[in-house]
Amino acid sequence: MALPDPDAFVSMVGVTKRYAGVTALDNVDFRVSAGEAVCLAGENGSGKSTLLKILAGVEQPTEGVIHIDGLQKGQLNPRLSAAAGIMVIFQDFSLFPNLTVAENIAFACQLTQHQKWFRKRNARTVATAALERIGVDIPIDERVESLPVAHKQLVAIARALASEARLIIMDEPTTALTEREVRSLLRIIRMLKEDGVAVVFVSHKLAEVLEVSERVVVLRNGCKVAEGPAEEFDTTSLTRHMTGRDVPEHPPNALIETPETLMQVNNLNKKGSFLNVSFDIRKGEVLGITGLLGSGRTSLAKALFGLVTPDSGQIRLNGRSIPLGDPIAAASNQIGYVPEDRLTEGLFLTQSIIRNVAIGRLEHHEQHGFLDLLALVSDANKWLERFKVKTPSVEAPVQSLSGGNQQRVVLARWLARSPLVLILNGPSVGVDVGSKSDIHDIIRDLASSGLGVVVISDDLPELLTTCHRILVMRGGEIIDEVAAGTVTEDELAYKLAS
């Protein structure tokens, strides 16, 4: 076994974790020094979350030794880990939505100080100091539930600093942020490093990871497969280490000369959301719609499927007018919608994988008021096989799957209904690099089969590699349209931000 690094703030040596015969981590060494930013990379199921849970004291290692600030730790628990200065910012930020910014920032600090009563005046002082430290101005009396996502994340960072964090673990910190907000977050991470605070950065957005990190550690199938200075990696080599294979990106397939128009959107309006939106989608076309937070892109996506009721306008599919604000009518007219938040809007988490797919085909397997269950299950299995959903059992709850496989289940459910137009809102949010590439291949295949596909995303590389046209939204209006191959990522980012 290797020796702990005496110069590191955290040194984990030979860490192994087994669950009922399954090895989630196999003899992994991991270290972080003060003021260092380390990228922990790996696909879903690689062991990243398990390693971080052990460091946070949520899980106990089966084998291995952990040193924090030079002292060996036997049985870590969340309280001991936090007392040592290790703070985790999860994807949902774990904030109290009904409390103010000041109360959220100061609560954990006062708790660790074993104070019996919450001191409101002290909370305001602590919160103000923490926010000033990272150079942001957020109203401290505002309820957290009313804040945009980017501000919630800053509150979570300020809370960690108020609790005297020495290592902040950020789990997918840029998933729900726009390009401008990501730049702001990276600036704050650099400030933290200058103050001697270490950062472990977990993200599927590889370019951002490499920009902010000094060192990269890659896990695959529970083993550490690569480690080195960030400048020795690029997105291609990092992807290869994470997946064990090359994952090439392909341009969108060429459209046929005179494609048939499938959907027409005319002068769609929704006060406070979008204004005079008009476009069409052709057979076999992938149409991208992008914009910064508040641009109206998500409201527009929901309006196309009837989840938001426009004040005026018209949607036509194959010449037929589609009722506005009626998702049942939209689905009946062969429009499909994959939501951005698959966990709360797209899946029945405690239900089996097979049921999550089959629910979309119930009416196709009804005979005289009864369901033909054998045919229903057989049909659902075919779709799971087609999309290569990785699971030991189709009867397992869908929440047991990785993010990429969950997204495939949602896609399988909708495609089993044979849609003509499929709306994908954030198709690869929270999905690892290998699954992301597979989803992009699925999008291309769907378009090649004649579907019209709408991709709503602020992931610019995703849009450029999958879409034939991209519409840019700002302030609820479409302000530009670009064709595939005519714009670079930087040029598209400028159009969004200017």
Protein backbone atom coordinates (compact mmCIF):
# COMPACT_ATOMS: atom_id res chain seq x y z
CA MET A 1 0.00 0.00 0.00
CA ALA A 2 1.25 3.50 -0.84
CA LEU A 3 2.07 5.91 1.98
CA PRO A 4 -0.12 8.95 2.72
CA ASP A 5 1.12 12.24 1.25
CA PRO A 6 2.32 14.32 4.24
CA ASP A 7 1.95 17.59 2.30
CA ALA A 8 -1.66 17.00 1.25
CA PHE A 9 -4.69 18.31 3.15
CA VAL A 10 -6.57 15.11 2.25
CA SER A 11 -4.80 11.84 1.51
CA MET A 12 -6.81 8.68 0.81
CA VAL A 13 -4.74 5.52 0.30
CA GLY A 14 -5.89 2.12 -0.92
CA VAL A 15 -9.57 2.97 -0.52
CA THR A 16 -11.84 0.05 -1.42
CA LYS A 17 -15.61 -0.15 -1.08
CA ARG A 18 -17.69 -3.27 -1.60
CA TYR A 19 -21.48 -3.56 -1.58
CA ALA A 20 -22.80 -7.13 -1.26
CA GLY A 21 -20.10 -8.52 -3.50
CA VAL A 22 -20.01 -5.56 -5.90
CA THR A 23 -16.74 -3.59 -5.82
CA ALA A 24 -17.57 0.11 -6.24
CA LEU A 25 -13.98 1.24 -5.51
CA ASP A 26 -10.87 -0.88 -5.90
CA ASN A 27 -7.66 0.26 -4.15
CA VAL A 28 -7.98 3.95 -5.06
CA ASP A 29 -5.46 6.60 -3.96
CA PHE A 30 -6.65 10.21 -3.92
CA ARG A 31 -5.07 13.37 -2.54
CA VAL A 32 -5.87 17.09 -2.47
CA SER A 33 -3.55 19.87 -1.31
CA ALA A 34 -4.50 23.25 0.15
CA GLY A 35 -5.42 25.76 -2.55
CA GLU A 36 -5.52 23.10 -5.26
CA ALA A 37 -8.36 22.40 -7.67
CA VAL A 38 -8.64 18.74 -8.61
CA CYS A 39 -10.92 17.40 -11.32
CA LEU A 40 -12.41 14.03 -10.42
CA ALA A 41 -13.59 12.63 -13.74
CA GLY A 42 -15.38 9.46 -14.73
CA GLU A 43 -18.59 8.18 -16.24
CA ASN A 44 -21.66 7.45 -14.14
CA GLY A 45 -20.94 4.30 -12.16
CA SER A 46 -17.18 4.86 -12.20
CA GLY A 47 -16.99 5.30 -8.41
CA LYS A 48 -16.77 9.09 -8.17
CA SER A 49 -19.80 9.51 -5.92
CA THR A 50 -18.74 6.62 -3.68
CA LEU A 51 -15.26 8.12 -3.19
CA LEU A 52 -16.71 11.52 -2.30
CA LYS A 53 -19.30 10.00 0.05
CA ILE A 54 -16.48 8.26 1.91
CA LEU A 55 -14.59 11.56 2.18
CA ALA A 56 -17.75 13.30 3.41
CA GLY A 57 -18.32 10.55 6.02
CA VAL A 58 -21.59 9.38 4.47
CA GLU A 59 -20.12 5.96 3.58
CA GLN A 60 -17.43 3.89 5.30
CA PRO A 61 -14.61 2.29 3.29
CA THR A 62 -14.24 -1.49 3.33
CA GLU A 63 -10.45 -1.03 3.24
CA GLY A 64 -8.03 1.87 3.12
CA VAL A 65 -6.60 4.72 5.16
CA ILE A 66 -7.70 8.38 5.24
CA HIS A 67 -5.55 11.25 6.52
CA ILE A 68 -6.96 14.79 6.90
CA ASP A 69 -4.51 17.57 7.68
CA GLY A 70 -1.88 14.99 8.65
CA LEU A 71 -4.08 13.06 11.09
CA GLN A 72 -5.36 9.55 10.38
CA LYS A 73 -9.11 9.27 10.60
CA GLY A 74 -10.70 6.00 11.65
CA GLN A 75 -14.47 6.18 11.26
CA LEU A 76 -15.46 9.42 9.55
CA ASN A 77 -19.05 10.63 9.81
CA PRO A 78 -20.62 13.75 8.27
CA ARG A 79 -20.17 15.80 11.45
CA LEU A 80 -16.47 14.89 11.80
CA SER A 81 -15.85 15.51 8.11
CA ALA A 82 -17.50 18.93 8.29
CA ALA A 83 -15.58 19.77 11.47
CA ALA A 84 -12.37 19.03 9.55
CA GLY A 85 -13.42 21.61 6.94
CA ILE A 86 -14.75 19.31 4.20
CA MET A 87 -17.95 20.66 2.65
CA VAL A 88 -19.97 19.14 -0.20
CA ILE A 89 -22.18 21.18 -2.53
CA PHE A 90 -24.56 18.70 -4.11
CA GLN A 91 -26.43 19.23 -7.39
CA ASP A 92 -29.61 20.27 -5.53
CA PHE A 93 -27.52 22.54 -3.20
CA SER A 94 -29.38 21.15 -0.12
CA LEU A 95 -30.68 24.57 0.89
CA PHE A 96 -33.81 25.42 2.91
CA PRO A 97 -36.08 27.04 0.29
CA ASN A 98 -38.39 28.70 2.86
CA LEU A 99 -35.51 30.36 4.76
CA THR A 100 -33.68 33.56 3.81
CA VAL A 101 -30.23 33.77 2.27
CA ALA A 102 -28.77 34.86 5.63
CA GLU A 103 -30.46 32.02 7.52
CA ASN A 104 -29.23 29.42 5.01
CA ILE A 105 -25.64 30.66 5.13
CA ALA A 106 -25.43 30.94 8.92
CA PHE A 107 -27.46 27.88 9.92
CA ALA A 108 -24.72 25.26 9.46
CA CYS A 109 -22.14 27.57 11.03
CA GLN A 110 -24.18 28.05 14.19
CA LEU A 111 -24.99 24.35 14.28
CA THR A 112 -21.31 23.33 14.25
CA GLN A 113 -20.69 25.84 17.06
CA HIS A 114 -23.31 23.93 19.14
CA GLN A 115 -25.42 27.06 19.68
CA LYS A 116 -28.77 26.28 21.27
CA TRP A 117 -30.62 29.24 19.75
CA PHE A 118 -30.49 30.68 16.26
CA ARG A 119 -29.13 34.23 16.40
CA LYS A 120 -30.64 36.29 13.58
CA ARG A 121 -28.41 39.36 13.95
CA ASN A 122 -25.31 37.20 13.94
CA ALA A 123 -26.66 35.37 10.87
CA ARG A 124 -26.84 38.62 8.89
CA THR A 125 -23.24 39.49 9.83
CA VAL A 126 -21.96 36.03 8.92
CA ALA A 127 -23.86 35.95 5.61
CA THR A 128 -22.70 39.42 4.56
CA ALA A 129 -19.07 38.56 5.26
CA ALA A 130 -19.28 35.24 3.37
CA LEU A 131 -20.87 36.85 0.30
CA GLU A 132 -18.35 39.70 0.32
CA ARG A 133 -15.54 37.13 0.40
CA ILE A 134 -16.60 35.75 -2.98
CA GLY A 135 -17.47 39.19 -4.34
CA VAL A 136 -21.19 38.74 -4.98
CA ASP A 137 -24.20 40.85 -4.00
CA ILE A 138 -27.33 38.85 -3.15
CA PRO A 139 -30.11 40.31 -0.92
CA ILE A 140 -29.61 38.47 2.38
CA ASP A 141 -33.27 38.82 3.40
CA GLU A 142 -34.53 37.20 0.18
CA ARG A 143 -36.05 33.73 0.48
CA VAL A 144 -33.90 31.14 -1.27
CA GLU A 145 -36.88 29.68 -3.16
CA SER A 146 -37.20 32.94 -5.11
CA LEU A 147 -33.57 32.97 -6.28
CA PRO A 148 -32.33 31.88 -9.72
CA VAL A 149 -30.23 28.70 -9.85
CA ALA A 150 -26.92 30.55 -10.14
CA HIS A 151 -27.61 32.55 -6.96
CA LYS A 152 -28.62 29.41 -5.08
CA GLN A 153 -25.24 27.93 -5.92
CA LEU A 154 -23.46 31.04 -4.66
CA VAL A 155 -25.43 30.81 -1.41
CA ALA A 156 -24.26 27.20 -1.04
CA ILE A 157 -20.64 28.28 -1.58
CA ALA A 158 -21.01 31.12 0.92
CA ARG A 159 -22.52 28.69 3.44
CA ALA A 160 -19.47 26.43 3.08
CA LEU A 161 -17.10 29.38 3.60
CA ALA A 162 -19.05 30.55 6.67
CA SER A 163 -18.47 27.08 8.12
CA GLU A 164 -14.71 27.55 7.61
CA ALA A 165 -14.42 25.17 4.69
CA ARG A 166 -10.91 24.09 3.74
CA LEU A 167 -12.05 21.73 0.97
CA ILE A 168 -15.19 22.32 -1.08
CA ILE A 169 -16.48 19.44 -3.21
CA MET A 170 -18.63 20.65 -6.12
CA ASP A 171 -20.77 17.93 -7.68
CA GLU A 172 -21.82 18.91 -11.23
CA PRO A 173 -21.72 22.63 -10.36
CA THR A 174 -22.37 23.93 -13.90
CA THR A 175 -25.20 21.61 -14.99
CA ALA A 176 -27.97 24.22 -14.71
CA LEU A 177 -25.87 27.34 -15.38
CA THR A 178 -25.66 29.45 -18.50
CA GLU A 179 -22.34 30.25 -20.20
CA ARG A 180 -22.06 33.63 -18.46
CA GLU A 181 -22.85 32.12 -15.04
CA VAL A 182 -20.25 29.40 -15.59
CA ARG A 183 -17.59 32.08 -16.23
CA SER A 184 -18.59 33.76 -12.95
CA LEU A 185 -18.37 30.46 -11.05
CA LEU A 186 -14.90 29.70 -12.44
CA ARG A 187 -13.78 33.17 -11.33
CA ILE A 188 -14.99 32.43 -7.79
CA ILE A 189 -13.21 29.05 -7.76
CA ARG A 190 -9.95 30.83 -8.65
CA MET A 191 -10.54 33.26 -5.76
CA LEU A 192 -11.09 30.35 -3.37
CA LYS A 193 -7.83 28.74 -4.47
CA GLU A 194 -5.95 32.00 -3.85
CA ASP A 195 -7.38 31.96 -0.30
CA GLY A 196 -5.98 28.46 0.24
CA VAL A 197 -9.32 26.65 -0.10
CA ALA A 198 -9.05 23.37 -2.01
CA VAL A 199 -11.71 22.42 -4.56
CA VAL A 200 -12.70 19.04 -5.95
CA PHE A 201 -14.58 19.63 -9.18
CA VAL A 202 -16.85 16.91 -10.57
CA SER A 203 -18.40 17.67 -13.94
CA HIS A 204 -19.35 16.13 -17.26
CA LYS A 205 -18.42 19.38 -19.04
CA LEU A 206 -14.81 18.54 -19.75
CA ALA A 207 -13.62 21.87 -21.17
CA GLU A 208 -14.66 23.68 -17.97
CA VAL A 209 -13.00 21.03 -15.81
CA LEU A 210 -9.67 21.42 -17.59
CA GLU A 211 -9.85 25.22 -17.46
CA VAL A 212 -10.09 25.46 -13.67
CA SER A 213 -8.17 22.39 -12.43
CA GLU A 214 -4.44 21.91 -11.76
CA ARG A 215 -4.68 18.15 -11.61
CA VAL A 216 -6.99 15.48 -13.04
CA VAL A 217 -7.89 12.09 -11.55
CA VAL A 218 -9.89 9.67 -13.72
CA LEU A 219 -11.90 6.71 -12.41
CA ARG A 220 -13.33 3.90 -14.52
CA ASN A 221 -15.19 0.87 -13.17
CA GLY A 222 -14.07 1.67 -9.62
CA CYS A 223 -10.35 1.92 -10.46
CA LYS A 224 -8.08 4.91 -10.90
CA VAL A 225 -6.97 4.72 -14.53
CA ALA A 226 -5.24 8.08 -15.01
CA GLU A 227 -3.81 10.97 -12.98
CA GLY A 228 -1.68 13.95 -13.90
CA PRO A 229 -1.43 17.72 -14.43
CA ALA A 230 -4.43 19.19 -16.25
CA GLU A 231 -2.23 20.49 -19.08
CA GLU A 232 -1.41 16.89 -20.01
CA PHE A 233 -5.08 16.23 -20.88
CA ASP A 234 -7.48 17.52 -23.49
CA THR A 235 -11.15 16.65 -23.96
CA THR A 236 -10.27 13.84 -26.38
CA SER A 237 -7.74 12.10 -24.11
CA LEU A 238 -9.90 12.66 -21.04
CA THR A 239 -12.87 11.11 -22.81
CA ARG A 240 -10.72 8.12 -23.84
CA HIS A 241 -9.59 7.53 -20.23
CA MET A 242 -13.15 7.85 -18.90
CA THR A 243 -14.78 5.52 -21.41
CA GLY A 244 -11.93 3.24 -22.48
CA ARG A 245 -12.70 4.10 -26.10
CA ASP A 246 -12.54 6.95 -28.60
CA VAL A 247 -15.79 8.93 -28.75
CA PRO A 248 -15.75 10.88 -32.02
CA GLU A 249 -18.23 13.68 -32.62
CA HIS A 250 -19.95 13.65 -36.00
CA PRO A 251 -21.66 16.53 -37.79
CA PRO A 252 -25.42 16.29 -38.33
CA ASN A 253 -26.52 14.15 -41.28
CA ALA A 254 -27.29 16.10 -44.43
CA LEU A 255 -30.92 17.09 -45.07
CA ILE A 256 -32.57 15.94 -48.28
CA GLU A 257 -32.97 18.53 -51.05
CA THR A 258 -36.69 19.30 -50.66
CA PRO A 259 -37.68 18.18 -47.15
CA GLU A 260 -41.33 18.10 -46.19
CA THR A 261 -42.47 20.59 -43.54
CA LEU A 262 -43.80 18.76 -40.46
CA MET A 263 -44.53 21.49 -37.92
CA GLN A 264 -45.28 25.17 -38.35
CA VAL A 265 -45.24 27.57 -35.40
CA ASN A 266 -46.83 30.96 -36.15
CA ASN A 267 -46.70 34.07 -33.94
CA LEU A 268 -46.72 32.23 -30.62
CA ASN A 269 -47.03 34.65 -27.67
CA LYS A 270 -47.01 34.23 -23.91
CA LYS A 271 -46.82 37.37 -21.78
CA GLY A 272 -43.62 37.41 -19.74
CA SER A 273 -42.20 34.36 -21.53
CA PHE A 274 -41.93 34.68 -25.33
CA LEU A 275 -43.06 37.02 -28.08
CA ASN A 276 -44.02 36.49 -31.75
CA VAL A 277 -42.18 33.18 -32.11
CA SER A 278 -42.43 31.68 -35.60
CA PHE A 279 -40.47 28.85 -37.20
CA ASP A 280 -40.96 25.54 -38.97
CA ILE A 281 -39.48 22.06 -38.60
CA ARG A 282 -38.85 19.89 -41.61
CA LYS A 283 -38.91 16.14 -41.96
CA GLY A 284 -35.56 14.72 -40.90
CA GLU A 285 -34.37 18.03 -39.42
CA VAL A 286 -32.80 18.67 -36.03
CA LEU A 287 -33.65 22.23 -34.98
CA GLY A 288 -31.77 23.74 -32.05
CA ILE A 289 -33.17 26.47 -29.80
CA THR A 290 -30.79 28.16 -27.37
CA GLY A 291 -30.59 31.20 -25.12
CA LEU A 292 -29.42 32.34 -21.71
CA LEU A 293 -31.42 31.81 -18.52
CA GLY A 294 -34.64 33.82 -18.84
CA SER A 295 -34.53 33.90 -22.64
CA GLY A 296 -37.83 32.00 -22.83
CA ARG A 297 -36.44 28.80 -24.35
CA THR A 298 -37.84 26.45 -21.67
CA SER A 299 -41.30 28.08 -21.68
CA LEU A 300 -41.33 27.78 -25.46
CA ALA A 301 -40.39 24.08 -25.29
CA LYS A 302 -43.26 23.44 -22.88
CA ALA A 303 -45.67 25.46 -25.01
CA LEU A 304 -44.90 23.29 -28.05
CA PHE A 305 -46.15 20.31 -26.04
CA GLY A 306 -49.07 22.06 -24.36
CA LEU A 307 -47.56 22.30 -20.87
CA VAL A 308 -47.65 26.10 -21.13
CA THR A 309 -50.69 27.79 -22.68
CA PRO A 310 -49.75 30.60 -25.09
CA ASP A 311 -51.90 33.75 -25.13
CA SER A 312 -52.07 33.62 -28.92
CA GLY A 313 -50.56 31.99 -31.98
CA GLN A 314 -50.87 28.72 -33.83
CA ILE A 315 -49.11 25.34 -34.03
CA ARG A 316 -49.78 23.13 -37.05
CA LEU A 317 -48.57 19.57 -37.62
CA ASN A 318 -48.84 18.14 -41.13
CA GLY A 319 -51.30 20.92 -41.88
CA ARG A 320 -53.56 20.16 -38.87
CA SER A 321 -54.02 22.78 -36.17
CA ILE A 322 -52.95 21.51 -32.71
CA PRO A 323 -54.91 22.77 -29.64
CA LEU A 324 -52.78 25.06 -27.48
CA GLY A 325 -52.19 24.26 -23.81
CA ASP A 326 -53.30 20.64 -24.15
CA PRO A 327 -50.49 18.04 -23.68
CA ILE A 328 -52.90 15.13 -24.21
CA ALA A 329 -53.88 16.56 -27.60
CA ALA A 330 -50.21 17.13 -28.43
CA ALA A 331 -49.32 13.51 -27.60
CA SER A 332 -52.35 12.23 -29.51
CA ASN A 333 -51.17 14.21 -32.54
CA GLN A 334 -47.74 12.51 -32.38
CA ILE A 335 -45.74 15.19 -30.62
CA GLY A 336 -43.36 13.88 -27.95
CA TYR A 337 -41.61 15.78 -25.15
CA VAL A 338 -38.57 14.73 -23.09
CA PRO A 339 -38.29 17.17 -20.13
CA GLU A 340 -35.09 18.71 -18.82
CA ASP A 341 -35.73 17.46 -15.27
CA ARG A 342 -36.28 13.77 -15.93
CA LEU A 343 -36.27 12.93 -12.20
CA THR A 344 -39.36 14.98 -11.29
CA GLU A 345 -41.06 15.38 -14.67
CA GLY A 346 -40.03 12.43 -16.82
CA LEU A 347 -39.93 9.26 -14.74
CA PHE A 348 -41.85 7.26 -12.12
CA LEU A 349 -38.74 6.77 -10.02
CA THR A 350 -39.93 3.97 -7.74
CA GLN A 351 -41.57 2.03 -10.57
CA SER A 352 -39.72 -0.57 -12.61
CA ILE A 353 -37.77 0.24 -15.76
CA ILE A 354 -40.14 -1.86 -17.86
CA ARG A 355 -43.22 -0.06 -16.53
CA ASN A 356 -41.70 3.35 -17.26
CA VAL A 357 -41.39 2.37 -20.92
CA ALA A 358 -44.68 0.46 -21.15
CA ILE A 359 -46.79 3.34 -19.80
CA GLY A 360 -46.45 5.06 -23.16
CA ARG A 361 -48.01 2.13 -25.05
CA LEU A 362 -50.97 1.08 -22.91
CA GLU A 363 -53.62 1.97 -25.50
CA HIS A 364 -51.82 -0.11 -28.15
CA HIS A 365 -52.15 -3.31 -26.10
CA GLU A 366 -55.77 -3.06 -24.95
CA GLN A 367 -58.19 -5.82 -25.93
CA HIS A 368 -61.83 -5.66 -24.87
CA GLY A 369 -61.04 -3.55 -21.81
CA PHE A 370 -58.06 -5.67 -20.69
CA LEU A 371 -54.32 -5.21 -21.12
CA ASP A 372 -52.31 -7.82 -23.00
CA LEU A 373 -49.47 -7.76 -20.49
CA LEU A 374 -47.26 -10.24 -22.31
CA ALA A 375 -47.37 -8.19 -25.52
CA LEU A 376 -46.88 -4.95 -23.54
CA VAL A 377 -43.76 -6.24 -21.75
CA SER A 378 -42.36 -7.77 -24.96
CA ASP A 379 -42.82 -4.48 -26.80
CA ALA A 380 -41.17 -2.48 -23.99
CA ASN A 381 -38.25 -4.92 -23.89
CA LYS A 382 -37.60 -4.35 -27.59
CA TRP A 383 -37.27 -0.62 -27.01
CA LEU A 384 -34.93 -1.12 -24.03
CA GLU A 385 -32.77 -3.39 -26.19
CA ARG A 386 -32.80 -0.92 -29.07
CA PHE A 387 -31.52 1.87 -26.82
CA LYS A 388 -29.03 -0.42 -25.03
CA VAL A 389 -30.30 0.39 -21.54
CA LYS A 390 -27.78 -1.19 -19.16
CA THR A 391 -29.49 -2.92 -16.24
CA PRO A 392 -29.26 -6.33 -14.55
CA SER A 393 -33.08 -6.49 -14.46
CA VAL A 394 -35.86 -4.61 -16.22
CA GLU A 395 -37.88 -5.05 -13.02
CA ALA A 396 -35.42 -2.87 -11.06
CA PRO A 397 -36.70 0.61 -10.10
CA VAL A 398 -35.74 3.19 -12.71
CA GLN A 399 -34.08 5.31 -10.01
CA SER A 400 -31.36 2.64 -9.79
CA LEU A 401 -30.10 3.55 -13.28
CA SER A 402 -27.38 6.05 -14.17
CA GLY A 403 -28.42 9.41 -15.61
CA GLY A 404 -27.61 8.31 -19.16
CA ASN A 405 -29.69 5.15 -18.89
CA GLN A 406 -32.58 7.05 -17.31
CA GLN A 407 -32.57 9.39 -20.29
CA ARG A 408 -32.68 6.41 -22.66
CA VAL A 409 -35.73 5.07 -20.80
CA VAL A 410 -37.57 8.38 -21.30
CA LEU A 411 -36.59 8.38 -24.98
CA ALA A 412 -37.73 4.76 -25.37
CA ARG A 413 -41.14 5.56 -23.85
CA TRP A 414 -41.79 8.40 -26.27
CA LEU A 415 -40.43 6.70 -29.36
CA ALA A 416 -42.60 3.67 -28.67
CA ARG A 417 -45.51 6.04 -29.43
CA SER A 418 -44.16 6.73 -32.97
CA PRO A 419 -44.02 10.55 -32.78
CA LEU A 420 -43.61 12.75 -35.82
CA VAL A 421 -41.92 15.54 -33.84
CA LEU A 422 -39.84 14.96 -30.70
CA ILE A 423 -38.93 17.87 -28.40
CA LEU A 424 -35.81 17.27 -26.32
CA ASN A 425 -35.32 19.78 -23.51
CA GLY A 426 -31.71 19.48 -22.30
CA PRO A 427 -31.21 15.96 -23.72
CA SER A 428 -27.83 15.38 -22.07
CA VAL A 429 -28.12 17.32 -18.79
CA GLY A 430 -26.32 15.37 -16.04
CA VAL A 431 -25.25 12.64 -18.48
CA ASP A 432 -21.69 11.34 -18.70
CA VAL A 433 -19.56 11.80 -21.79
CA GLY A 434 -20.03 8.29 -23.18
CA SER A 435 -23.81 8.34 -22.78
CA LYS A 436 -23.90 11.87 -24.17
CA SER A 437 -22.23 10.71 -27.37
CA ASP A 438 -24.68 7.79 -27.60
CA ILE A 439 -27.64 10.17 -27.17
CA HIS A 440 -26.28 12.38 -29.94
CA ASP A 441 -26.07 9.31 -32.18
CA ILE A 442 -29.70 8.50 -31.31
CA ILE A 443 -30.73 12.06 -32.27
CA ARG A 444 -29.01 11.69 -35.65
CA ASP A 445 -30.64 8.30 -36.23
CA LEU A 446 -34.08 9.69 -35.38
CA ALA A 447 -33.65 12.52 -37.84
CA SER A 448 -32.41 10.11 -40.52
CA SER A 449 -35.60 8.06 -40.04
CA GLY A 450 -37.69 11.15 -40.86
CA LEU A 451 -38.57 12.56 -37.43
CA GLY A 452 -38.45 16.27 -36.79
CA VAL A 453 -36.36 16.83 -33.64
CA VAL A 454 -36.24 20.02 -31.56
CA VAL A 455 -33.23 20.28 -29.23
CA ILE A 456 -33.52 22.92 -26.47
CA SER A 457 -30.08 23.40 -24.91
CA ASP A 458 -27.40 25.85 -23.80
CA ASP A 459 -24.71 23.21 -24.38
CA LEU A 460 -23.17 24.84 -27.44
CA PRO A 461 -21.00 21.88 -28.59
CA GLU A 462 -24.11 19.68 -28.37
CA LEU A 463 -26.08 22.05 -30.59
CA LEU A 464 -23.28 22.40 -33.13
CA THR A 465 -22.77 18.66 -33.47
CA THR A 466 -26.44 17.62 -33.71
CA CYS A 467 -28.46 20.47 -35.26
CA HIS A 468 -29.04 21.53 -38.85
CA ARG A 469 -30.25 24.99 -37.75
CA ILE A 470 -30.01 26.85 -34.44
CA LEU A 471 -32.42 29.58 -33.30
CA VAL A 472 -31.02 32.04 -30.73
CA MET A 473 -33.47 33.52 -28.20
CA ARG A 474 -33.10 36.59 -26.04
CA GLY A 475 -35.79 38.31 -23.97
CA GLY A 476 -38.42 35.90 -25.26
CA GLU A 477 -37.74 36.63 -28.94
CA ILE A 478 -35.83 34.78 -31.66
CA ILE A 479 -33.02 37.21 -32.50
CA ASP A 480 -30.93 35.11 -34.86
CA GLU A 481 -30.81 31.89 -36.88
CA VAL A 482 -27.62 30.09 -37.87
CA ALA A 483 -27.09 27.08 -40.10
CA ALA A 484 -24.89 24.10 -39.26
CA GLY A 485 -21.24 24.59 -40.16
CA THR A 486 -21.48 28.38 -40.49
CA VAL A 487 -20.59 29.36 -36.92
CA THR A 488 -17.99 28.39 -34.30
CA GLU A 489 -18.66 27.74 -30.63
CA ASP A 490 -17.11 31.10 -29.67
CA GLU A 491 -19.20 32.93 -32.27
CA LEU A 492 -22.38 31.27 -31.04
CA ALA A 493 -21.48 32.09 -27.41
CA TYR A 494 -21.02 35.73 -28.43
CA LYS A 495 -24.46 35.79 -30.04
CA LEU A 496 -25.97 34.51 -26.79
CA ALA A 497 -24.15 36.94 -24.51
CA SER A 498 -24.11 40.14 -26.59
